Protein backbone atom coordinates (compact mmCIF):
# COMPACT_ATOMS: atom_id res chain seq x y z
CA MET A 1 2.66 29.54 37.79
CA ALA A 2 -1.06 29.13 38.39
CA ALA A 3 -1.81 29.60 34.70
CA SER A 4 0.53 26.80 33.66
CA GLY A 5 -0.95 24.50 36.30
CA SER A 6 -4.49 25.12 35.11
CA SER A 7 -3.55 24.48 31.48
CA LYS A 8 -2.08 21.14 32.52
CA MET A 9 -5.31 20.25 34.24
CA ALA A 10 -7.35 21.22 31.21
CA SER A 11 -5.20 19.15 28.88
CA SER A 12 -5.05 16.21 31.25
CA GLY A 13 -8.79 16.30 31.79
CA GLY A 14 -9.02 13.07 29.84
CA SER A 15 -10.62 12.12 26.59
CA LYS A 16 -14.10 12.74 28.01
CA GLY A 17 -13.44 16.49 27.98
CA LEU A 18 -12.74 16.72 24.24
CA ASN A 19 -14.93 19.07 22.30
CA PRO A 20 -16.29 17.98 18.88
CA GLU A 21 -13.57 19.85 16.99
CA GLN A 22 -10.84 18.07 18.94
CA VAL A 23 -12.51 14.71 18.28
CA VAL A 24 -12.60 15.43 14.53
CA VAL A 25 -8.97 16.58 14.57
CA GLY A 26 -7.94 13.40 16.40
CA PHE A 27 -9.91 11.23 13.98
CA ASN A 28 -8.42 12.97 10.95
CA LYS A 29 -4.93 12.57 12.42
CA LEU A 30 -5.48 8.81 12.83
CA ARG A 31 -6.79 8.56 9.26
CA GLN A 32 -3.79 10.48 7.93
CA GLU A 33 -1.40 8.19 9.83
CA GLN A 34 -3.18 5.18 8.35
CA ARG A 35 -2.96 6.65 4.84
CA SER A 36 0.73 7.33 5.35
CA LEU A 37 1.33 3.71 6.37
CA ALA A 38 -0.65 2.49 3.35
CA SER A 39 1.34 4.75 1.04
CA LYS A 40 4.64 3.46 2.43
CA ALA A 41 3.41 -0.13 2.07
CA ALA A 42 2.53 0.49 -1.59
CA GLU A 43 5.94 2.04 -2.19
CA LEU A 44 7.69 -0.94 -0.61
CA GLU A 45 5.53 -3.34 -2.64
CA MET A 46 6.72 -1.66 -5.86
CA GLU A 47 10.31 -1.82 -4.67
CA LEU A 48 9.92 -5.52 -3.83
CA THR A 49 8.52 -6.20 -7.30
CA GLU A 50 11.44 -4.35 -8.92
CA HIS A 51 13.94 -6.33 -6.86
CA SER A 52 12.25 -9.60 -7.85
CA LEU A 53 12.35 -8.71 -11.55
CA VAL A 54 16.03 -7.75 -11.42
CA ILE A 55 16.95 -10.88 -9.44
CA GLU A 56 15.13 -13.15 -11.91
CA THR A 57 16.84 -11.41 -14.83
CA LEU A 58 20.31 -11.61 -13.27
CA LYS A 59 19.96 -15.30 -12.43
CA GLU A 60 19.97 -16.06 -16.15
CA VAL A 61 23.11 -13.99 -16.81
CA ASP A 62 26.75 -15.08 -16.68
CA PRO A 63 28.00 -14.38 -13.10
CA SER A 64 31.18 -12.72 -14.36
CA ARG A 65 29.28 -10.23 -16.51
CA ARG A 66 29.57 -6.56 -15.57
CA CYS A 67 26.57 -4.76 -14.19
CA TYR A 68 25.97 -1.40 -12.62
CA ARG A 69 24.31 -0.69 -9.32
CA MET A 70 23.23 2.55 -7.72
CA VAL A 71 24.80 2.85 -4.26
CA GLY A 72 24.05 6.00 -2.32
CA GLY A 73 23.35 7.99 -5.49
CA VAL A 74 26.56 6.79 -7.18
CA LEU A 75 26.56 4.32 -10.06
CA VAL A 76 29.06 1.57 -9.23
CA GLU A 77 30.41 -1.10 -11.57
CA ARG A 78 30.25 -4.63 -10.17
CA THR A 79 29.79 -8.16 -11.42
CA VAL A 80 26.53 -10.09 -11.32
CA ARG A 81 28.19 -12.45 -8.81
CA GLU A 82 28.69 -9.52 -6.39
CA VAL A 83 25.34 -7.82 -6.94
CA LEU A 84 22.95 -10.77 -6.84
CA PRO A 85 23.46 -11.71 -3.15
CA ALA A 86 23.09 -8.08 -2.10
CA LEU A 87 19.84 -7.76 -4.05
CA GLU A 88 18.46 -10.93 -2.49
CA LYS A 89 19.38 -9.67 0.98
CA ASN A 90 17.69 -6.33 0.26
CA LYS A 91 14.60 -8.14 -0.99
CA ASP A 92 14.40 -10.18 2.23
CA GLN A 93 14.78 -7.03 4.34
CA ILE A 94 12.05 -5.25 2.38
CA GLY A 95 9.78 -8.25 2.95
CA LYS A 96 10.39 -8.09 6.71
CA ILE A 97 9.75 -4.35 6.77
CA MET A 98 6.50 -4.90 4.86
CA GLU A 99 5.36 -7.46 7.43
CA THR A 100 6.01 -4.98 10.23
CA LEU A 101 4.28 -2.22 8.29
CA ASN A 102 1.24 -4.40 7.67
CA GLN A 103 1.03 -5.15 11.40
CA GLN A 104 1.22 -1.42 12.12
CA MET A 105 -1.53 -0.75 9.56
CA GLN A 106 -3.78 -3.35 11.17
CA ALA A 107 -3.13 -1.87 14.61
CA LYS A 108 -3.87 1.62 13.29
CA GLY A 109 -7.08 0.31 11.72
CA ARG A 110 -8.19 -1.15 15.04
CA GLU A 111 -7.27 2.10 16.80
CA LEU A 112 -9.32 4.03 14.24
CA VAL A 113 -12.34 1.76 14.69
CA ASP A 114 -12.07 2.03 18.47
CA TYR A 115 -11.86 5.82 18.22
CA ARG A 116 -14.93 5.91 15.96
CA GLU A 117 -16.90 3.75 18.38
CA LYS A 118 -15.72 5.66 21.45
CA TYR A 119 -16.83 9.01 20.04
CA ASN A 120 -19.72 7.66 17.92
CA ILE A 121 -18.25 9.08 14.70
CA ARG A 122 -20.28 8.61 11.53
CA LEU A 123 -18.80 9.38 8.13
CA VAL A 124 -20.72 11.37 5.52
CA GLY A 125 -22.58 8.97 3.25
CA GLU A 126 -22.17 6.05 5.65
CA GLU A 127 -25.90 5.73 6.30
CA GLU A 128 -26.65 5.57 2.55
CA GLN A 129 -24.09 2.77 2.21
CA LYS A 130 -25.83 0.72 4.87
CA GLN A 131 -29.18 1.21 3.12
CA LEU A 132 -27.80 0.18 -0.31
CA GLY A 133 -27.08 -3.35 0.83
CA PRO A 134 -24.19 -5.70 0.02
CA LYS A 135 -24.80 -5.86 -3.74
CA GLU A 136 -24.08 -2.18 -4.30
CA ASN A 137 -21.11 -2.25 -1.91
CA GLU A 138 -19.48 -5.10 -3.81
CA SER A 139 -19.87 -3.24 -7.09
CA GLY A 140 -17.50 -0.49 -6.07
CA GLY A 141 -19.26 1.42 -3.30
CA LYS A 142 -17.18 2.57 -0.36
CA THR A 143 -17.70 0.75 2.90
CA GLY A 144 -17.88 2.34 6.34
CA THR A 145 -14.21 1.59 7.05
CA ALA A 146 -12.90 3.82 4.28
CA GLY A 147 -9.16 4.34 4.20
CA VAL A 148 -8.20 0.74 4.99
CA LEU A 149 -5.97 -0.73 2.32
CA VAL A 150 -6.00 -4.50 2.13
CA SER A 151 -3.82 -6.32 -0.32
């Protein structure tokens, strides 16, 4: 019983009691979460583009024409009249999800910056970037907030 109580105290000792390895692990976890959000956003962006292309193509087609749609891994025969509204609804939903995902990415970016400031984390090569100046950074150099995807 005493051992479990002391481990709770050690873990609840607050963020001030973190050793350098734990700080690095926490920072890397935040960066990975941010990368995961960015990856999902890119995937949804591609899906949104595909939906837009298909919708534009189907708008120019006779509404009674047959078309095929993948539903749950099964190819289903429908008409353009039936498929087009469903595609537009899906496109709208993807857009809403992307908005939410972008908000989450911004929040994660702020959390990452706060974490870096709190623990005074400096990335390798960051000091050289500051010394290069804005001209070199604009020409393709990485900035100090690496890992932030902005579209």
